[in-house]
Amino acid sequence: MRRDKDYIGSVGPQESKVVEGRYEDRD
């Protein structure tokens, strides 16, 4: 369980796509 919001800022645009999909699911 990691914070998606912080995760996106930590990684670049490449990982952003993968996290974005989980971001909506976690909300």
N, C-alpha and C. Protein backbone atom coordinates (compact mmCIF):
# COMPACT_ATOMS: atom_id res chain seq x y z
N MET A 1 0.86 -1.22 0.00
CA MET A 1 0.00 0.00 0.00
C MET A 1 0.89 1.26 0.00
N ARG A 2 0.99 1.93 -1.12
CA ARG A 2 1.80 3.17 -1.15
C ARG A 2 0.94 4.33 -1.62
N ARG A 3 1.24 5.52 -1.20
CA ARG A 3 0.40 6.67 -1.59
C ARG A 3 0.54 6.95 -3.08
N ASP A 4 -0.51 6.77 -3.83
CA ASP A 4 -0.43 7.01 -5.28
C ASP A 4 -0.08 8.47 -5.56
N LYS A 5 -0.67 9.39 -4.81
CA LYS A 5 -0.41 10.82 -5.06
C LYS A 5 1.09 11.10 -4.96
N ASP A 6 1.72 10.65 -3.88
CA ASP A 6 3.16 10.89 -3.70
C ASP A 6 3.96 10.10 -4.74
N TYR A 7 3.47 8.88 -5.05
CA TYR A 7 4.20 8.03 -6.00
C TYR A 7 4.32 8.71 -7.36
N ILE A 8 3.25 9.32 -7.83
CA ILE A 8 3.29 9.97 -9.15
C ILE A 8 4.34 11.09 -9.15
N GLY A 9 4.38 11.89 -8.10
CA GLY A 9 5.34 12.99 -8.03
C GLY A 9 6.76 12.45 -7.95
N SER A 10 6.92 11.29 -7.31
CA SER A 10 8.26 10.73 -7.15
C SER A 10 8.81 10.20 -8.48
N VAL A 11 7.95 9.53 -9.24
CA VAL A 11 8.41 8.94 -10.50
C VAL A 11 8.18 9.89 -11.67
N GLY A 12 8.67 9.48 -12.86
CA GLY A 12 8.52 10.34 -14.05
C GLY A 12 7.23 10.02 -14.78
N PRO A 13 7.04 10.61 -15.95
CA PRO A 13 5.83 10.42 -16.76
C PRO A 13 5.66 8.96 -17.19
N GLN A 14 6.76 8.23 -17.33
CA GLN A 14 6.67 6.83 -17.75
C GLN A 14 5.88 6.02 -16.72
N GLU A 15 6.23 6.14 -15.46
CA GLU A 15 5.53 5.39 -14.40
C GLU A 15 4.16 6.01 -14.16
N SER A 16 4.05 7.28 -14.42
CA SER A 16 2.78 7.99 -14.17
C SER A 16 1.60 7.24 -14.81
N LYS A 17 1.80 6.73 -16.01
CA LYS A 17 0.71 6.03 -16.72
C LYS A 17 0.24 4.82 -15.90
N VAL A 18 1.18 4.04 -15.40
CA VAL A 18 0.82 2.83 -14.63
C VAL A 18 0.11 3.23 -13.34
N VAL A 19 0.64 4.23 -12.66
CA VAL A 19 0.04 4.66 -11.38
C VAL A 19 -1.33 5.28 -11.63
N GLU A 20 -1.46 6.00 -12.72
CA GLU A 20 -2.73 6.67 -13.01
C GLU A 20 -3.88 5.67 -13.00
N GLY A 21 -3.64 4.49 -13.56
CA GLY A 21 -4.70 3.46 -13.62
C GLY A 21 -5.11 3.05 -12.20
N ARG A 22 -4.14 2.91 -11.30
CA ARG A 22 -4.48 2.50 -9.93
C ARG A 22 -5.01 3.69 -9.14
N TYR A 23 -4.63 4.88 -9.53
CA TYR A 23 -5.07 6.08 -8.80
C TYR A 23 -6.60 6.13 -8.71
N GLU A 24 -7.26 5.90 -9.84
CA GLU A 24 -8.74 5.94 -9.86
C GLU A 24 -9.31 4.83 -8.98
N ASP A 25 -8.69 3.66 -9.03
CA ASP A 25 -9.19 2.52 -8.26
C ASP A 25 -9.09 2.80 -6.76
N ARG A 26 -8.00 3.40 -6.34
CA ARG A 26 -7.80 3.68 -4.89
C ARG A 26 -8.69 4.86 -4.47
N ASP A 27 -8.63 5.93 -5.24
CA ASP A 27 -9.38 7.16 -4.89
C ASP A 27 -9.28 7.40 -3.41
